[in-house]
Amino acid sequence: MKRFHVSAHHWFNAPLMISDGGLARVQQLAQMPMEQPEEDDPEQPEIIVTNSTAVIAIEGIIVPECDPMLEEYCGLCSLERVCEQLDAAMADPSVSRIILCMDSPGGRVSGVPELAAKIATANKTKQIDTWVDGQCASAAYYLAAGCHGIYAPASADIGCIGTLIVYYDQSKMFSDMGVVPVVIKSGAFKGEGTPGTSLSKEFQARLQDRVDKLSEMFRAHVSQHRPRVANETMQGLSYLGMDCPKNGLIDAVLPDMESILSV
């Protein structure tokens, strides 16, 4: 058996666009070693092309890149893989329409604004729609916002627009254990956030500034492509699919992905 785990340092003290449930899943993954059968070598999800429509899966917790094993066994979604499949669908002359099949709580910020802009640009050449197959939250909604249309069932979970950084101040725990972190560094700000050190007001203010700037980028992208979405709708709440046509987050409630083809 191959053993592996999802490293926590990619998630904590770093900007995230993720739902609360997705963050809880990340915390579980960071604590839980995984096993892969030796004979099992998963392949990355393939593009499904039917009647000139390509379907690209965006399922799981979004990360900049990961191998198919982590997508399969940890429920992650590689932006690198999605980007490659988008390029392939755009270059395929037999494909005239693309559907992004979404079931994701969001994830890491890195790479999301860039892929969202690429999707919005590609939509000018070939129609790209999003089908919410369960959840389209935070970073996933960032990707969907620039599509021609967003469609979902009534029970879907949609929105959660915003950014957060989770910082665990472990200084008391280290102190109770009799451990004193010694940071030998150059530069006034080097070493900020080292495990076991306290979160200073200045460092917290810098983290808040980063969150605010990324959140403004997110809201600006949504406002540009979906102007009916009001600022009060972009404050971190998720909404049921049935409520989203009226607040502008989606275009219509549909029973299944096949129904998009008739829209």
C-alpha atoms as a PDB file:
ATOM      1  CA  MET A   1       0.000   0.000   0.000  1.00  0.00           C
ATOM      2  CA  LYS A   2       1.202   3.517  -0.804  1.00  0.00           C
ATOM      3  CA  ARG A   3       0.711   5.953   2.073  1.00  0.00           C
ATOM      4  CA  PHE A   4       0.343   9.696   1.603  1.00  0.00           C
ATOM      5  CA  HIS A   5      -1.218  12.733   3.254  1.00  0.00           C
ATOM      6  CA  VAL A   6      -2.328  16.256   2.404  1.00  0.00           C
ATOM      7  CA  SER A   7       0.189  18.714   3.866  1.00  0.00           C
ATOM      8  CA  ALA A   8      -1.358  21.228   6.269  1.00  0.00           C
ATOM      9  CA  HIS A   9       1.141  24.016   5.500  1.00  0.00           C
ATOM     10  CA  HIS A  10      -0.534  24.637   2.132  1.00  0.00           C
ATOM     11  CA  TRP A  11      -3.810  25.483   3.879  1.00  0.00           C
ATOM     12  CA  PHE A  12      -3.243  27.245   7.177  1.00  0.00           C
ATOM     13  CA  ASN A  13      -1.867  30.812   7.204  1.00  0.00           C
ATOM     14  CA  ALA A  14      -2.607  30.934   3.450  1.00  0.00           C
ATOM     15  CA  PRO A  15      -5.499  32.683   1.629  1.00  0.00           C
ATOM     16  CA  LEU A  16      -8.460  30.409   0.947  1.00  0.00           C
ATOM     17  CA  MET A  17     -11.737  30.765  -0.923  1.00  0.00           C
ATOM     18  CA  ILE A  18     -13.635  27.883   0.599  1.00  0.00           C
ATOM     19  CA  SER A  19     -16.864  27.100   2.425  1.00  0.00           C
ATOM     20  CA  ASP A  20     -16.918  26.210   6.124  1.00  0.00           C
ATOM     21  CA  GLY A  21     -17.666  22.594   5.279  1.00  0.00           C
ATOM     22  CA  GLY A  22     -14.791  22.515   2.809  1.00  0.00           C
ATOM     23  CA  LEU A  23     -12.418  23.918   5.430  1.00  0.00           C
ATOM     24  CA  ALA A  24     -13.504  21.202   7.867  1.00  0.00           C
ATOM     25  CA  ARG A  25     -12.741  18.612   5.182  1.00  0.00           C
ATOM     26  CA  VAL A  26      -9.260  20.105   4.691  1.00  0.00           C
ATOM     27  CA  GLN A  27      -8.629  19.843   8.436  1.00  0.00           C
ATOM     28  CA  GLN A  28      -9.616  16.173   8.320  1.00  0.00           C
ATOM     29  CA  LEU A  29      -7.368  15.474   5.328  1.00  0.00           C
ATOM     30  CA  ALA A  30      -4.403  17.170   6.990  1.00  0.00           C
ATOM     31  CA  GLN A  31      -4.730  14.842  10.002  1.00  0.00           C
ATOM     32  CA  MET A  32      -5.554  11.605   8.220  1.00  0.00           C
ATOM     33  CA  PRO A  33      -2.997   9.480   6.338  1.00  0.00           C
ATOM     34  CA  MET A  34      -4.390   7.905   3.173  1.00  0.00           C
ATOM     35  CA  GLU A  35      -3.606   4.575   1.530  1.00  0.00           C
ATOM     36  CA  GLN A  36      -3.653   3.607  -2.129  1.00  0.00           C
ATOM     37  CA  PRO A  37      -3.667  -0.023  -3.287  1.00  0.00           C
ATOM     38  CA  GLU A  38      -0.404  -0.825  -5.116  1.00  0.00           C
ATOM     39  CA  GLU A  39      -2.231  -2.127  -8.171  1.00  0.00           C
ATOM     40  CA  ASP A  40      -4.470   0.919  -8.445  1.00  0.00           C
ATOM     41  CA  ASP A  41      -3.133   3.728 -10.650  1.00  0.00           C
ATOM     42  CA  PRO A  42      -5.955   6.240 -11.144  1.00  0.00           C
ATOM     43  CA  GLU A  43      -6.123   8.380 -14.259  1.00  0.00           C
ATOM     44  CA  GLN A  44      -7.211  11.994 -14.326  1.00  0.00           C
ATOM     45  CA  PRO A  45     -10.876  12.673 -15.173  1.00  0.00           C
ATOM     46  CA  GLU A  46     -11.444  12.794 -18.905  1.00  0.00           C
ATOM     47  CA  ILE A  47     -13.364  15.289 -21.002  1.00  0.00           C
ATOM     48  CA  ILE A  48     -16.706  13.854 -22.043  1.00  0.00           C
ATOM     49  CA  VAL A  49     -17.836  15.034 -25.480  1.00  0.00           C
ATOM     50  CA  THR A  50     -21.427  14.385 -26.560  1.00  0.00           C
ATOM     51  CA  ASN A  51     -23.171  16.026 -29.506  1.00  0.00           C
ATOM     52  CA  SER A  52     -20.456  18.696 -29.827  1.00  0.00           C
ATOM     53  CA  THR A  53     -20.671  19.558 -26.097  1.00  0.00           C
ATOM     54  CA  ALA A  54     -17.631  18.970 -23.880  1.00  0.00           C
ATOM     55  CA  VAL A  55     -18.143  18.393 -20.145  1.00  0.00           C
ATOM     56  CA  ILE A  56     -15.253  19.243 -17.801  1.00  0.00           C
ATOM     57  CA  ALA A  57     -15.501  18.110 -14.177  1.00  0.00           C
ATOM     58  CA  ILE A  58     -14.612  20.538 -11.380  1.00  0.00           C
ATOM     59  CA  GLU A  59     -15.235  18.375  -8.344  1.00  0.00           C
ATOM     60  CA  GLY A  60     -13.687  18.504  -4.897  1.00  0.00           C
ATOM     61  CA  ILE A  61     -11.404  20.905  -3.065  1.00  0.00           C
ATOM     62  CA  ILE A  62      -9.604  23.195  -5.512  1.00  0.00           C
ATOM     63  CA  VAL A  63      -5.790  23.217  -5.533  1.00  0.00           C
ATOM     64  CA  PRO A  64      -3.340  24.689  -8.073  1.00  0.00           C
ATOM     65  CA  GLU A  65      -2.092  21.255  -9.109  1.00  0.00           C
ATOM     66  CA  CYS A  66      -2.002  17.664  -7.911  1.00  0.00           C
ATOM     67  CA  ASP A  67      -1.611  14.226  -9.424  1.00  0.00           C
ATOM     68  CA  PRO A  68      -4.602  12.016 -10.293  1.00  0.00           C
ATOM     69  CA  MET A  69      -4.063   9.928  -7.161  1.00  0.00           C
ATOM     70  CA  LEU A  70      -4.829  12.910  -4.915  1.00  0.00           C
ATOM     71  CA  GLU A  71      -7.836  13.892  -7.036  1.00  0.00           C
ATOM     72  CA  GLU A  72      -9.169  10.342  -6.755  1.00  0.00           C
ATOM     73  CA  TYR A  73      -8.415   9.521  -3.120  1.00  0.00           C
ATOM     74  CA  CYS A  74      -8.468  12.917  -1.382  1.00  0.00           C
ATOM     75  CA  GLY A  75     -11.289  14.593  -3.261  1.00  0.00           C
ATOM     76  CA  LEU A  76      -9.093  17.354  -4.682  1.00  0.00           C
ATOM     77  CA  CYS A  77      -9.496  19.208  -7.981  1.00  0.00           C
ATOM     78  CA  SER A  78      -6.387  20.251  -9.916  1.00  0.00           C
ATOM     79  CA  LEU A  79      -6.643  23.643 -11.633  1.00  0.00           C
ATOM     80  CA  GLU A  80      -3.767  22.599 -13.869  1.00  0.00           C
ATOM     81  CA  ARG A  81      -5.822  19.640 -15.137  1.00  0.00           C
ATOM     82  CA  VAL A  82      -8.928  21.823 -15.634  1.00  0.00           C
ATOM     83  CA  CYS A  83      -6.864  24.380 -17.576  1.00  0.00           C
ATOM     84  CA  GLU A  84      -5.403  21.675 -19.831  1.00  0.00           C
ATOM     85  CA  GLN A  85      -8.848  20.258 -20.524  1.00  0.00           C
ATOM     86  CA  LEU A  86     -10.251  23.706 -21.257  1.00  0.00           C
ATOM     87  CA  ASP A  87      -7.432  24.274 -23.752  1.00  0.00           C
ATOM     88  CA  ALA A  88      -8.152  20.908 -25.380  1.00  0.00           C
ATOM     89  CA  ALA A  89     -11.876  21.622 -25.664  1.00  0.00           C
ATOM     90  CA  MET A  90     -11.244  25.071 -27.111  1.00  0.00           C
ATOM     91  CA  ALA A  91      -8.853  23.618 -29.701  1.00  0.00           C
ATOM     92  CA  ASP A  92     -11.188  20.763 -30.701  1.00  0.00           C
ATOM     93  CA  PRO A  93     -13.163  21.806 -33.812  1.00  0.00           C
ATOM     94  CA  SER A  94     -15.842  19.216 -33.018  1.00  0.00           C
ATOM     95  CA  VAL A  95     -16.658  21.026 -29.740  1.00  0.00           C
ATOM     96  CA  SER A  96     -18.957  24.037 -29.989  1.00  0.00           C
ATOM     97  CA  ARG A  97     -20.065  24.259 -26.356  1.00  0.00           C
ATOM     98  CA  ILE A  98     -18.490  23.528 -22.976  1.00  0.00           C
ATOM     99  CA  ILE A  99     -20.187  22.693 -19.680  1.00  0.00           C
ATOM    100  CA  LEU A 100     -18.283  22.965 -16.404  1.00  0.00           C
ATOM    101  CA  CYS A 101     -19.816  20.359 -14.098  1.00  0.00           C
ATOM    102  CA  MET A 102     -19.280  21.812 -10.611  1.00  0.00           C
ATOM    103  CA  ASP A 103     -19.405  20.117  -7.240  1.00  0.00           C
ATOM    104  CA  SER A 104     -16.846  21.965  -5.149  1.00  0.00           C
ATOM    105  CA  PRO A 105     -16.658  23.898  -1.857  1.00  0.00           C
ATOM    106  CA  GLY A 106     -13.813  26.025  -3.238  1.00  0.00           C
ATOM    107  CA  GLY A 107     -10.231  25.783  -2.053  1.00  0.00           C
ATOM    108  CA  ARG A 108      -6.916  27.585  -2.353  1.00  0.00           C
ATOM    109  CA  VAL A 109      -6.785  30.995  -3.998  1.00  0.00           C
ATOM    110  CA  SER A 110      -3.614  30.464  -6.014  1.00  0.00           C
ATOM    111  CA  GLY A 111      -4.438  30.202  -9.713  1.00  0.00           C
ATOM    112  CA  VAL A 112      -8.172  30.780  -9.328  1.00  0.00           C
ATOM    113  CA  PRO A 113      -8.382  34.432 -10.525  1.00  0.00           C
ATOM    114  CA  GLU A 114      -6.209  33.585 -13.533  1.00  0.00           C
ATOM    115  CA  LEU A 115      -8.272  30.552 -14.582  1.00  0.00           C
ATOM    116  CA  ALA A 116     -11.510  32.484 -13.965  1.00  0.00           C
ATOM    117  CA  ALA A 117     -10.302  35.196 -16.366  1.00  0.00           C
ATOM    118  CA  LYS A 118      -9.320  32.541 -18.899  1.00  0.00           C
ATOM    119  CA  ILE A 119     -12.775  30.946 -18.712  1.00  0.00           C
ATOM    120  CA  ALA A 120     -14.461  34.327 -19.198  1.00  0.00           C
ATOM    121  CA  THR A 121     -12.287  35.040 -22.240  1.00  0.00           C
ATOM    122  CA  ALA A 122     -12.853  31.577 -23.718  1.00  0.00           C
ATOM    123  CA  ASN A 123     -16.604  32.072 -23.323  1.00  0.00           C
ATOM    124  CA  LYS A 124     -16.408  34.799 -25.979  1.00  0.00           C
ATOM    125  CA  THR A 125     -15.299  32.171 -28.515  1.00  0.00           C
ATOM    126  CA  LYS A 126     -17.255  29.109 -27.428  1.00  0.00           C
ATOM    127  CA  GLN A 127     -20.265  29.136 -25.132  1.00  0.00           C
ATOM    128  CA  ILE A 128     -19.334  27.925 -21.658  1.00  0.00           C
ATOM    129  CA  ASP A 129     -22.005  27.117 -19.093  1.00  0.00           C
ATOM    130  CA  THR A 130     -21.828  25.843 -15.531  1.00  0.00           C
ATOM    131  CA  TRP A 131     -23.964  23.058 -14.132  1.00  0.00           C
ATOM    132  CA  VAL A 132     -23.935  22.894 -10.316  1.00  0.00           C
ATOM    133  CA  ASP A 133     -23.989  19.221  -9.467  1.00  0.00           C
ATOM    134  CA  GLY A 134     -24.336  19.792  -5.739  1.00  0.00           C
ATOM    135  CA  GLN A 135     -22.149  22.709  -4.661  1.00  0.00           C
ATOM    136  CA  CYS A 136     -20.543  25.734  -6.294  1.00  0.00           C
ATOM    137  CA  ALA A 137     -18.999  27.719  -3.447  1.00  0.00           C
ATOM    138  CA  SER A 138     -16.318  30.358  -3.098  1.00  0.00           C
ATOM    139  CA  ALA A 139     -13.388  29.594  -5.483  1.00  0.00           C
ATOM    140  CA  ALA A 140     -15.684  27.350  -7.538  1.00  0.00           C
ATOM    141  CA  TYR A 141     -18.139  30.219  -7.959  1.00  0.00           C
ATOM    142  CA  TYR A 142     -15.245  32.508  -8.935  1.00  0.00           C
ATOM    143  CA  LEU A 143     -14.587  30.112 -11.842  1.00  0.00           C
ATOM    144  CA  ALA A 144     -18.272  29.892 -12.780  1.00  0.00           C
ATOM    145  CA  ALA A 145     -19.067  33.620 -12.683  1.00  0.00           C
ATOM    146  CA  GLY A 146     -17.651  34.394 -16.122  1.00  0.00           C
ATOM    147  CA  CYS A 147     -19.612  31.675 -17.892  1.00  0.00           C
ATOM    148  CA  HIS A 148     -22.472  32.341 -20.310  1.00  0.00           C
ATOM    149  CA  GLY A 149     -24.950  30.752 -17.916  1.00  0.00           C
ATOM    150  CA  ILE A 150     -25.046  29.094 -14.487  1.00  0.00           C
ATOM    151  CA  TYR A 151     -27.723  26.484 -13.802  1.00  0.00           C
ATOM    152  CA  ALA A 152     -28.460  24.393 -10.734  1.00  0.00           C
ATOM    153  CA  PRO A 153     -31.078  22.197  -9.074  1.00  0.00           C
ATOM    154  CA  ALA A 154     -33.232  23.674  -6.319  1.00  0.00           C
ATOM    155  CA  SER A 155     -31.242  21.934  -3.572  1.00  0.00           C
ATOM    156  CA  ALA A 156     -27.784  23.106  -4.706  1.00  0.00           C
ATOM    157  CA  ASP A 157     -25.435  25.050  -2.401  1.00  0.00           C
ATOM    158  CA  ILE A 158     -24.184  28.212  -4.133  1.00  0.00           C
ATOM    159  CA  GLY A 159     -22.229  31.360  -3.265  1.00  0.00           C
ATOM    160  CA  CYS A 160     -20.000  31.772  -0.205  1.00  0.00           C
ATOM    161  CA  ILE A 161     -18.217  34.652  -1.930  1.00  0.00           C
ATOM    162  CA  GLY A 162     -15.193  35.838   0.034  1.00  0.00           C
ATOM    163  CA  THR A 163     -11.698  35.022   1.244  1.00  0.00           C
ATOM    164  CA  LEU A 164     -10.269  33.888   4.571  1.00  0.00           C
ATOM    165  CA  ILE A 165      -7.000  32.977   6.211  1.00  0.00           C
ATOM    166  CA  VAL A 166      -7.008  30.570   9.147  1.00  0.00           C
ATOM    167  CA  TYR A 167      -4.149  31.167  11.573  1.00  0.00           C
ATOM    168  CA  TYR A 168      -3.642  28.865  14.553  1.00  0.00           C
ATOM    169  CA  ASP A 169      -1.868  30.680  17.381  1.00  0.00           C
ATOM    170  CA  GLN A 170       0.024  27.801  18.993  1.00  0.00           C
ATOM    171  CA  SER A 171       2.137  29.903  21.315  1.00  0.00           C
ATOM    172  CA  LYS A 172       0.351  28.782  24.519  1.00  0.00           C
ATOM    173  CA  MET A 173       0.504  25.131  23.506  1.00  0.00           C
ATOM    174  CA  PHE A 174       4.240  25.435  22.854  1.00  0.00           C
ATOM    175  CA  SER A 175       4.716  27.246  26.164  1.00  0.00           C
ATOM    176  CA  ASP A 176       2.784  24.570  28.072  1.00  0.00           C
ATOM    177  CA  MET A 177       5.054  21.969  26.472  1.00  0.00           C
ATOM    178  CA  GLY A 178       8.153  23.901  27.484  1.00  0.00           C
ATOM    179  CA  VAL A 179       9.084  24.615  23.871  1.00  0.00           C
ATOM    180  CA  VAL A 180      10.383  28.048  22.900  1.00  0.00           C
ATOM    181  CA  PRO A 181      10.676  28.690  19.142  1.00  0.00           C
ATOM    182  CA  VAL A 182      13.858  30.557  18.258  1.00  0.00           C
ATOM    183  CA  VAL A 183      13.715  32.241  14.846  1.00  0.00           C
ATOM    184  CA  ILE A 184      17.080  33.241  13.413  1.00  0.00           C
ATOM    185  CA  LYS A 185      16.342  35.503  10.473  1.00  0.00           C
ATOM    186  CA  SER A 186      17.191  38.453   8.290  1.00  0.00           C
ATOM    187  CA  GLY A 187      14.613  41.133   7.528  1.00  0.00           C
ATOM    188  CA  ALA A 188      12.043  42.677   9.855  1.00  0.00           C
ATOM    189  CA  PHE A 189       9.152  40.489   8.722  1.00  0.00           C
ATOM    190  CA  LYS A 190      10.894  37.209   7.976  1.00  0.00           C
ATOM    191  CA  GLY A 191       9.602  34.356  10.122  1.00  0.00           C
ATOM    192  CA  GLU A 192       6.165  35.841  10.790  1.00  0.00           C
ATOM    193  CA  GLY A 193       3.711  33.024  11.360  1.00  0.00           C
ATOM    194  CA  THR A 194       6.339  30.527  12.521  1.00  0.00           C
ATOM    195  CA  PRO A 195       4.540  27.809  14.554  1.00  0.00           C
ATOM    196  CA  GLY A 196       4.721  28.571  18.257  1.00  0.00           C
ATOM    197  CA  THR A 197       5.003  32.333  17.840  1.00  0.00           C
ATOM    198  CA  SER A 198       2.193  34.751  18.674  1.00  0.00           C
ATOM    199  CA  LEU A 199       0.106  36.561  16.094  1.00  0.00           C
ATOM    200  CA  SER A 200       1.080  40.218  16.410  1.00  0.00           C
ATOM    201  CA  LYS A 201      -1.369  43.016  15.598  1.00  0.00           C
ATOM    202  CA  GLU A 202       0.900  44.144  12.772  1.00  0.00           C
ATOM    203  CA  PHE A 203       1.043  40.667  11.205  1.00  0.00           C
ATOM    204  CA  GLN A 204      -2.722  40.268  11.576  1.00  0.00           C
ATOM    205  CA  ALA A 205      -3.219  43.614   9.831  1.00  0.00           C
ATOM    206  CA  ARG A 206      -1.043  42.447   6.922  1.00  0.00           C
ATOM    207  CA  LEU A 207      -3.022  39.219   6.628  1.00  0.00           C
ATOM    208  CA  GLN A 208      -6.265  41.215   6.705  1.00  0.00           C
ATOM    209  CA  ASP A 209      -4.962  43.485   3.935  1.00  0.00           C
ATOM    210  CA  ARG A 210      -4.236  40.435   1.768  1.00  0.00           C
ATOM    211  CA  VAL A 211      -7.698  39.017   2.409  1.00  0.00           C
ATOM    212  CA  ASP A 212      -9.343  42.355   1.596  1.00  0.00           C
ATOM    213  CA  LYS A 213      -7.479  42.729  -1.709  1.00  0.00           C
ATOM    214  CA  LEU A 214      -8.262  39.184  -2.850  1.00  0.00           C
ATOM    215  CA  SER A 215     -11.901  39.561  -1.837  1.00  0.00           C
ATOM    216  CA  GLU A 216     -12.168  42.801  -3.811  1.00  0.00           C
ATOM    217  CA  MET A 217     -10.804  40.986  -6.884  1.00  0.00           C
ATOM    218  CA  PHE A 218     -13.408  38.272  -6.374  1.00  0.00           C
ATOM    219  CA  ARG A 219     -16.319  40.705  -5.997  1.00  0.00           C
ATOM    220  CA  ALA A 220     -15.150  42.766  -8.986  1.00  0.00           C
ATOM    221  CA  HIS A 221     -15.080  39.658 -11.183  1.00  0.00           C
ATOM    222  CA  VAL A 222     -18.579  38.656 -10.109  1.00  0.00           C
ATOM    223  CA  SER A 223     -19.921  42.193 -10.561  1.00  0.00           C
ATOM    224  CA  GLN A 224     -18.397  42.456 -14.026  1.00  0.00           C
ATOM    225  CA  HIS A 225     -19.949  39.240 -15.314  1.00  0.00           C
ATOM    226  CA  ARG A 226     -23.080  39.018 -13.169  1.00  0.00           C
ATOM    227  CA  PRO A 227     -24.125  42.622 -12.441  1.00  0.00           C
ATOM    228  CA  ARG A 228     -27.411  41.564 -10.812  1.00  0.00           C
ATOM    229  CA  VAL A 229     -25.506  40.143  -7.839  1.00  0.00           C
ATOM    230  CA  ALA A 230     -25.667  42.793  -5.111  1.00  0.00           C
ATOM    231  CA  ASN A 231     -22.834  43.523  -2.698  1.00  0.00           C
ATOM    232  CA  GLU A 232     -24.875  42.162   0.231  1.00  0.00           C
ATOM    233  CA  THR A 233     -25.048  38.810  -1.562  1.00  0.00           C
ATOM    234  CA  MET A 234     -21.228  38.697  -1.644  1.00  0.00           C
ATOM    235  CA  GLN A 235     -20.601  38.595   2.113  1.00  0.00           C
ATOM    236  CA  GLY A 236     -19.757  34.916   2.584  1.00  0.00           C
ATOM    237  CA  LEU A 237     -23.226  33.366   2.758  1.00  0.00           C
ATOM    238  CA  SER A 238     -24.279  30.342   0.748  1.00  0.00           C
ATOM    239  CA  TYR A 239     -27.746  30.101  -0.775  1.00  0.00           C
ATOM    240  CA  LEU A 240     -30.034  27.315  -1.890  1.00  0.00           C
ATOM    241  CA  GLY A 241     -30.311  26.950  -5.635  1.00  0.00           C
ATOM    242  CA  MET A 242     -34.022  27.742  -5.481  1.00  0.00           C
ATOM    243  CA  ASP A 243     -33.208  31.237  -4.137  1.00  0.00           C
ATOM    244  CA  CYS A 244     -30.412  32.057  -6.568  1.00  0.00           C
ATOM    245  CA  PRO A 245     -32.246  33.155  -9.739  1.00  0.00           C
ATOM    246  CA  LYS A 246     -33.679  36.146  -7.867  1.00  0.00           C
ATOM    247  CA  ASN A 247     -30.350  37.225  -6.351  1.00  0.00           C
ATOM    248  CA  GLY A 248     -28.536  36.749  -9.668  1.00  0.00           C
ATOM    249  CA  LEU A 249     -26.117  34.014  -8.641  1.00  0.00           C
ATOM    250  CA  ILE A 250     -27.579  31.629 -11.240  1.00  0.00           C
ATOM    251  CA  ASP A 251     -29.748  31.981 -14.335  1.00  0.00           C
ATOM    252  CA  ALA A 252     -32.305  29.240 -13.757  1.00  0.00           C
ATOM    253  CA  VAL A 253     -33.198  26.222 -11.658  1.00  0.00           C
ATOM    254  CA  LEU A 254     -33.135  23.051 -13.763  1.00  0.00           C
ATOM    255  CA  PRO A 255     -33.665  19.396 -12.823  1.00  0.00           C
ATOM    256  CA  ASP A 256     -30.499  18.002 -14.463  1.00  0.00           C
ATOM    257  CA  MET A 257     -27.510  18.832 -16.635  1.00  0.00           C
ATOM    258  CA  GLU A 258     -29.182  17.505 -19.791  1.00  0.00           C
ATOM    259  CA  SER A 259     -31.762  20.261 -19.447  1.00  0.00           C
ATOM    260  CA  ILE A 260     -29.052  22.871 -20.149  1.00  0.00           C
ATOM    261  CA  LEU A 261     -28.848  21.687 -23.750  1.00  0.00           C
ATOM    262  CA  SER A 262     -32.359  22.958 -24.410  1.00  0.00           C
ATOM    263  CA  VAL A 263     -31.715  26.401 -22.860  1.00  0.00           C
END
